[in-house]
N, C-alpha and C. Protein backbone atom coordinates (compact mmCIF):
# COMPACT_ATOMS: atom_id res chain seq x y z
N MET A 1 44.66 0.94 -3.07
CA MET A 1 43.21 0.87 -3.05
C MET A 1 42.81 -0.59 -2.81
N THR A 2 41.92 -0.82 -1.86
CA THR A 2 41.48 -2.17 -1.55
C THR A 2 40.41 -2.61 -2.56
N PRO A 3 40.13 -3.92 -2.65
CA PRO A 3 39.08 -4.38 -3.57
C PRO A 3 37.72 -3.78 -3.24
N ARG A 4 37.43 -3.60 -1.94
CA ARG A 4 36.14 -3.03 -1.57
C ARG A 4 36.02 -1.59 -2.04
N GLN A 5 37.11 -0.84 -1.91
CA GLN A 5 37.09 0.54 -2.37
C GLN A 5 36.93 0.62 -3.88
N SER A 6 37.58 -0.30 -4.60
CA SER A 6 37.43 -0.26 -6.06
C SER A 6 36.01 -0.63 -6.48
N ASN A 7 35.37 -1.57 -5.77
CA ASN A 7 33.97 -1.90 -6.07
C ASN A 7 33.08 -0.70 -5.80
N ASN A 8 33.30 0.00 -4.71
CA ASN A 8 32.49 1.18 -4.38
C ASN A 8 32.69 2.30 -5.39
N GLN A 9 33.89 2.39 -5.93
CA GLN A 9 34.16 3.42 -6.92
C GLN A 9 33.28 3.22 -8.15
N TRP A 10 33.10 1.99 -8.59
CA TRP A 10 32.32 1.73 -9.79
C TRP A 10 30.83 1.64 -9.53
N SER A 11 30.43 1.25 -8.31
CA SER A 11 29.00 1.10 -8.04
C SER A 11 28.37 2.35 -7.45
N GLY A 12 29.14 3.39 -7.28
CA GLY A 12 28.59 4.61 -6.75
C GLY A 12 28.72 4.73 -5.24
N GLY A 13 29.45 3.85 -4.62
CA GLY A 13 29.68 3.91 -3.18
C GLY A 13 28.56 3.26 -2.39
N ILE A 14 28.80 3.08 -1.12
CA ILE A 14 27.83 2.44 -0.24
C ILE A 14 26.59 3.32 -0.08
N ALA A 15 26.76 4.63 -0.08
CA ALA A 15 25.62 5.54 0.11
C ALA A 15 24.64 5.46 -1.06
N ALA A 16 25.11 5.05 -2.22
CA ALA A 16 24.22 4.96 -3.38
C ALA A 16 23.27 3.76 -3.27
N HIS A 17 23.58 2.79 -2.43
CA HIS A 17 22.77 1.60 -2.26
C HIS A 17 22.43 1.42 -0.78
N PRO A 18 21.52 2.23 -0.24
CA PRO A 18 21.19 2.08 1.18
C PRO A 18 20.45 0.77 1.44
N ALA A 19 20.58 0.29 2.66
CA ALA A 19 19.89 -0.94 3.04
C ALA A 19 18.39 -0.70 3.05
N PRO A 20 17.60 -1.69 2.59
CA PRO A 20 16.15 -1.50 2.59
C PRO A 20 15.61 -1.42 4.00
N LYS A 21 14.61 -0.57 4.19
CA LYS A 21 14.00 -0.43 5.51
C LYS A 21 12.89 -1.45 5.65
N ILE A 22 12.87 -2.11 6.79
CA ILE A 22 11.84 -3.09 7.08
C ILE A 22 10.71 -2.37 7.81
N PRO A 23 9.47 -2.53 7.35
CA PRO A 23 8.37 -1.84 8.01
C PRO A 23 8.22 -2.30 9.46
N SER A 24 7.89 -1.37 10.31
CA SER A 24 7.78 -1.68 11.73
C SER A 24 6.41 -2.23 12.10
N ALA A 25 5.47 -2.21 11.17
CA ALA A 25 4.12 -2.71 11.47
C ALA A 25 4.16 -4.22 11.65
N LYS A 26 3.34 -4.74 12.51
CA LYS A 26 3.28 -6.18 12.73
C LYS A 26 2.56 -6.85 11.57
N ILE A 27 2.97 -8.07 11.28
CA ILE A 27 2.30 -8.84 10.24
C ILE A 27 0.99 -9.34 10.81
N ARG A 28 -0.08 -9.08 10.11
CA ARG A 28 -1.40 -9.45 10.62
C ARG A 28 -1.80 -10.85 10.22
N TRP A 29 -1.29 -11.38 9.11
CA TRP A 29 -1.66 -12.71 8.68
C TRP A 29 -0.51 -13.31 7.87
N ILE A 30 -0.52 -14.59 7.80
CA ILE A 30 0.44 -15.32 7.00
C ILE A 30 -0.35 -16.24 6.08
N VAL A 31 0.00 -16.26 4.81
CA VAL A 31 -0.68 -17.11 3.85
C VAL A 31 0.27 -18.25 3.48
N LEU A 32 -0.19 -19.47 3.64
CA LEU A 32 0.58 -20.63 3.25
C LEU A 32 -0.02 -21.22 1.99
N ALA A 33 0.84 -21.65 1.08
CA ALA A 33 0.35 -22.23 -0.17
C ALA A 33 1.25 -23.37 -0.58
N SER A 34 0.65 -24.39 -1.17
CA SER A 34 1.40 -25.46 -1.82
C SER A 34 1.30 -25.21 -3.31
N ILE A 35 2.45 -25.20 -3.97
CA ILE A 35 2.48 -24.90 -5.40
C ILE A 35 3.08 -26.10 -6.13
N PHE A 36 2.35 -26.61 -7.11
CA PHE A 36 2.81 -27.71 -7.94
C PHE A 36 3.02 -27.16 -9.34
N TRP A 37 4.24 -27.30 -9.87
CA TRP A 37 4.56 -26.72 -11.17
C TRP A 37 5.60 -27.57 -11.87
N ASP A 38 5.76 -27.32 -13.17
CA ASP A 38 6.85 -27.90 -13.93
C ASP A 38 7.52 -26.78 -14.70
N GLN A 39 8.38 -27.12 -15.64
CA GLN A 39 9.13 -26.10 -16.36
C GLN A 39 8.25 -25.22 -17.23
N GLY A 40 7.06 -25.67 -17.55
CA GLY A 40 6.22 -24.90 -18.46
C GLY A 40 5.14 -24.07 -17.80
N SER A 41 4.55 -24.59 -16.72
CA SER A 41 3.42 -23.88 -16.13
C SER A 41 3.18 -24.32 -14.70
N ILE A 42 2.30 -23.58 -14.05
CA ILE A 42 1.86 -23.93 -12.71
C ILE A 42 0.59 -24.74 -12.84
N PHE A 43 0.54 -25.90 -12.18
CA PHE A 43 -0.63 -26.76 -12.24
C PHE A 43 -1.64 -26.42 -11.16
N LEU A 44 -1.14 -26.25 -9.94
CA LEU A 44 -2.04 -26.11 -8.80
C LEU A 44 -1.41 -25.22 -7.75
N ILE A 45 -2.16 -24.24 -7.30
CA ILE A 45 -1.80 -23.44 -6.12
C ILE A 45 -2.89 -23.69 -5.11
N ASP A 46 -2.53 -24.31 -4.01
CA ASP A 46 -3.48 -24.69 -2.99
C ASP A 46 -3.23 -23.85 -1.74
N TYR A 47 -4.11 -22.86 -1.50
CA TYR A 47 -3.97 -21.99 -0.35
C TYR A 47 -4.55 -22.65 0.89
N LEU A 48 -3.82 -22.60 1.96
CA LEU A 48 -4.25 -23.21 3.21
C LEU A 48 -5.26 -22.30 3.90
N PRO A 49 -6.40 -22.84 4.32
CA PRO A 49 -7.38 -22.01 5.04
C PRO A 49 -6.80 -21.47 6.36
N LYS A 50 -7.28 -20.32 6.75
CA LYS A 50 -6.79 -19.67 7.96
C LYS A 50 -7.03 -20.56 9.18
N GLY A 51 -6.02 -20.68 10.01
CA GLY A 51 -6.13 -21.46 11.23
C GLY A 51 -5.86 -22.94 11.06
N GLN A 52 -5.55 -23.38 9.84
CA GLN A 52 -5.31 -24.80 9.59
C GLN A 52 -3.81 -25.01 9.35
N THR A 53 -3.32 -26.19 9.68
CA THR A 53 -1.93 -26.52 9.43
C THR A 53 -1.83 -27.58 8.36
N ILE A 54 -0.68 -27.65 7.72
CA ILE A 54 -0.47 -28.67 6.70
C ILE A 54 -0.13 -29.97 7.42
N ASN A 55 -0.99 -30.95 7.28
CA ASN A 55 -0.74 -32.27 7.84
C ASN A 55 -0.85 -33.30 6.73
N ALA A 56 -0.68 -34.58 7.09
CA ALA A 56 -0.68 -35.62 6.07
C ALA A 56 -2.02 -35.72 5.35
N GLU A 57 -3.11 -35.55 6.07
CA GLU A 57 -4.44 -35.64 5.46
C GLU A 57 -4.67 -34.52 4.46
N TYR A 58 -4.30 -33.30 4.84
CA TYR A 58 -4.47 -32.15 3.95
C TYR A 58 -3.58 -32.30 2.71
N TYR A 59 -2.34 -32.71 2.90
CA TYR A 59 -1.42 -32.85 1.78
C TYR A 59 -1.86 -33.97 0.85
N SER A 60 -2.40 -35.04 1.41
CA SER A 60 -2.91 -36.14 0.58
C SER A 60 -4.07 -35.69 -0.30
N SER A 61 -4.93 -34.83 0.25
CA SER A 61 -6.03 -34.32 -0.58
C SER A 61 -5.51 -33.42 -1.70
N SER A 62 -4.40 -32.71 -1.44
CA SER A 62 -3.78 -31.91 -2.50
C SER A 62 -3.23 -32.80 -3.61
N LEU A 63 -2.70 -33.97 -3.22
CA LEU A 63 -2.18 -34.89 -4.23
C LEU A 63 -3.29 -35.44 -5.12
N VAL A 64 -4.47 -35.67 -4.54
CA VAL A 64 -5.61 -36.13 -5.33
C VAL A 64 -6.01 -35.04 -6.33
N GLN A 65 -6.05 -33.78 -5.89
CA GLN A 65 -6.35 -32.67 -6.80
C GLN A 65 -5.32 -32.59 -7.91
N LEU A 66 -4.04 -32.77 -7.56
CA LEU A 66 -2.98 -32.71 -8.56
C LEU A 66 -3.15 -33.81 -9.60
N LYS A 67 -3.47 -35.02 -9.17
CA LYS A 67 -3.66 -36.13 -10.11
C LYS A 67 -4.80 -35.81 -11.09
N TYR A 68 -5.89 -35.25 -10.59
CA TYR A 68 -7.03 -34.88 -11.44
C TYR A 68 -6.62 -33.79 -12.44
N ILE A 69 -5.90 -32.79 -11.98
CA ILE A 69 -5.49 -31.69 -12.86
C ILE A 69 -4.52 -32.19 -13.93
N LEU A 70 -3.60 -33.07 -13.54
CA LEU A 70 -2.67 -33.62 -14.53
C LEU A 70 -3.41 -34.44 -15.58
N LYS A 71 -4.42 -35.18 -15.15
CA LYS A 71 -5.20 -35.99 -16.09
C LYS A 71 -5.94 -35.09 -17.07
N GLU A 72 -6.47 -33.95 -16.60
CA GLU A 72 -7.22 -33.03 -17.45
C GLU A 72 -6.32 -32.22 -18.38
N THR A 73 -5.17 -31.74 -17.87
CA THR A 73 -4.35 -30.82 -18.66
C THR A 73 -3.32 -31.53 -19.54
N ARG A 74 -2.80 -32.65 -19.09
CA ARG A 74 -1.74 -33.31 -19.84
C ARG A 74 -2.24 -34.37 -20.80
N CYS A 75 -3.44 -34.87 -20.64
CA CYS A 75 -4.10 -35.79 -21.58
C CYS A 75 -3.17 -36.86 -22.15
N GLY A 76 -2.61 -37.69 -21.29
CA GLY A 76 -1.77 -38.78 -21.74
C GLY A 76 -0.33 -38.44 -21.98
N LYS A 77 0.08 -37.21 -21.75
CA LYS A 77 1.48 -36.82 -21.95
C LYS A 77 2.37 -37.28 -20.81
N VAL A 78 1.77 -37.62 -19.67
CA VAL A 78 2.54 -38.11 -18.54
C VAL A 78 2.65 -39.62 -18.69
N THR A 79 3.75 -40.09 -19.27
CA THR A 79 3.89 -41.51 -19.52
C THR A 79 4.89 -42.18 -18.58
N LYS A 80 5.88 -41.45 -18.12
CA LYS A 80 6.90 -42.03 -17.27
C LYS A 80 6.64 -41.81 -15.79
N GLY A 81 5.57 -41.17 -15.44
CA GLY A 81 5.26 -40.93 -14.05
C GLY A 81 5.54 -39.50 -13.64
N VAL A 82 5.23 -39.21 -12.40
CA VAL A 82 5.40 -37.86 -11.84
C VAL A 82 6.39 -37.95 -10.69
N LEU A 83 7.38 -37.08 -10.70
CA LEU A 83 8.35 -37.00 -9.63
C LEU A 83 8.07 -35.74 -8.82
N LEU A 84 7.95 -35.88 -7.52
CA LEU A 84 7.74 -34.76 -6.63
C LEU A 84 8.97 -34.59 -5.76
N LEU A 85 9.48 -33.36 -5.69
CA LEU A 85 10.63 -33.07 -4.84
C LEU A 85 10.11 -32.65 -3.48
N HIS A 86 10.34 -33.49 -2.49
CA HIS A 86 9.82 -33.24 -1.15
C HIS A 86 10.92 -32.81 -0.21
N LYS A 87 10.54 -31.98 0.75
CA LYS A 87 11.44 -31.64 1.84
C LYS A 87 11.22 -32.65 2.96
N ASN A 88 11.95 -32.50 4.01
CA ASN A 88 11.86 -33.44 5.13
C ASN A 88 10.85 -32.96 6.17
N THR A 89 9.69 -32.52 5.74
CA THR A 89 8.66 -32.07 6.67
C THR A 89 7.81 -33.25 7.11
N PRO A 90 7.18 -33.15 8.28
CA PRO A 90 6.35 -34.26 8.75
C PRO A 90 5.21 -34.63 7.80
N ALA A 91 4.62 -33.66 7.14
CA ALA A 91 3.52 -33.95 6.22
C ALA A 91 4.00 -34.76 5.01
N HIS A 92 5.22 -34.52 4.56
CA HIS A 92 5.76 -35.25 3.42
C HIS A 92 6.26 -36.64 3.82
N ARG A 93 6.72 -36.79 5.05
CA ARG A 93 7.31 -38.05 5.51
C ARG A 93 6.28 -39.00 6.13
N ALA A 94 5.06 -38.56 6.33
CA ALA A 94 4.04 -39.37 7.01
C ALA A 94 3.70 -40.60 6.20
N LEU A 95 3.33 -41.67 6.91
CA LEU A 95 2.98 -42.92 6.26
C LEU A 95 1.75 -42.76 5.36
N ALA A 96 0.77 -41.98 5.80
CA ALA A 96 -0.42 -41.75 4.98
C ALA A 96 -0.07 -41.06 3.66
N THR A 97 0.86 -40.13 3.70
CA THR A 97 1.30 -39.45 2.48
C THR A 97 2.03 -40.42 1.56
N GLN A 98 2.89 -41.25 2.13
CA GLN A 98 3.63 -42.22 1.33
C GLN A 98 2.69 -43.21 0.65
N LYS A 99 1.65 -43.62 1.37
CA LYS A 99 0.66 -44.54 0.78
C LYS A 99 -0.11 -43.86 -0.36
N LYS A 100 -0.46 -42.58 -0.15
CA LYS A 100 -1.19 -41.84 -1.19
C LYS A 100 -0.31 -41.65 -2.42
N LEU A 101 0.97 -41.38 -2.22
CA LEU A 101 1.89 -41.26 -3.36
C LEU A 101 1.95 -42.55 -4.16
N ALA A 102 2.02 -43.67 -3.46
CA ALA A 102 2.06 -44.96 -4.16
C ALA A 102 0.75 -45.24 -4.88
N TYR A 103 -0.37 -44.89 -4.26
CA TYR A 103 -1.69 -45.11 -4.88
C TYR A 103 -1.87 -44.26 -6.13
N GLN A 104 -1.36 -43.01 -6.09
CA GLN A 104 -1.49 -42.10 -7.23
C GLN A 104 -0.41 -42.34 -8.29
N CYS A 105 0.50 -43.30 -8.04
CA CYS A 105 1.61 -43.60 -8.95
C CYS A 105 2.57 -42.43 -9.09
N PHE A 106 2.77 -41.69 -8.01
CA PHE A 106 3.76 -40.62 -7.95
C PHE A 106 5.00 -41.16 -7.28
N GLN A 107 6.15 -40.60 -7.64
CA GLN A 107 7.40 -40.93 -6.98
C GLN A 107 7.91 -39.70 -6.26
N SER A 108 8.59 -39.93 -5.17
CA SER A 108 9.08 -38.83 -4.36
C SER A 108 10.60 -38.79 -4.38
N LEU A 109 11.15 -37.61 -4.65
CA LEU A 109 12.58 -37.38 -4.53
C LEU A 109 12.82 -36.62 -3.24
N ASP A 110 13.69 -37.12 -2.42
CA ASP A 110 13.97 -36.47 -1.14
C ASP A 110 15.18 -35.54 -1.27
N HIS A 111 15.17 -34.49 -0.47
CA HIS A 111 16.35 -33.63 -0.37
C HIS A 111 17.43 -34.42 0.34
N PRO A 112 18.68 -34.24 -0.05
CA PRO A 112 19.74 -34.91 0.69
C PRO A 112 19.87 -34.28 2.08
N PRO A 113 20.39 -35.02 3.04
CA PRO A 113 20.57 -34.43 4.37
C PRO A 113 21.53 -33.24 4.30
N HIS A 114 21.34 -32.30 5.20
CA HIS A 114 22.16 -31.08 5.21
C HIS A 114 23.60 -31.43 5.55
N SER A 115 24.50 -30.92 4.77
CA SER A 115 25.92 -31.11 5.03
C SER A 115 26.59 -29.76 4.97
N PRO A 116 27.35 -29.39 6.00
CA PRO A 116 28.05 -28.08 5.95
C PRO A 116 29.02 -27.98 4.79
N ASP A 117 29.53 -29.13 4.30
CA ASP A 117 30.45 -29.10 3.18
C ASP A 117 29.75 -28.68 1.89
N GLN A 118 28.44 -28.95 1.78
CA GLN A 118 27.73 -28.63 0.54
C GLN A 118 27.04 -27.27 0.60
N ALA A 119 26.93 -26.69 1.79
CA ALA A 119 26.25 -25.39 1.91
C ALA A 119 27.12 -24.31 1.29
N PRO A 120 26.51 -23.37 0.57
CA PRO A 120 27.32 -22.30 -0.06
C PRO A 120 27.87 -21.35 0.97
């Protein structure tokens, strides 16, 4: 008996777990959101208006909203600063965004470059 057959024996076989069907209808809209959160709660969910793209100006305005929300909700509990984990997107890497991060006293952690050795 192969390992695959023994797994199927205990899980009820392949027929017991059919592949999910993907609906054939076309997607009519896509909703983009920026979510700022920590281990305890979500601070800000910023939904992008229809027809708009995330650029440095839009993202910078989200950072201003985040600073205001942190000031209201954390009331002095943020003493060591705020670390934001950024991807390598143009809106995060733009000079205007970097200046806004420095002005708001936020620090940015970058994702490491992709390495096939580290990919699962």
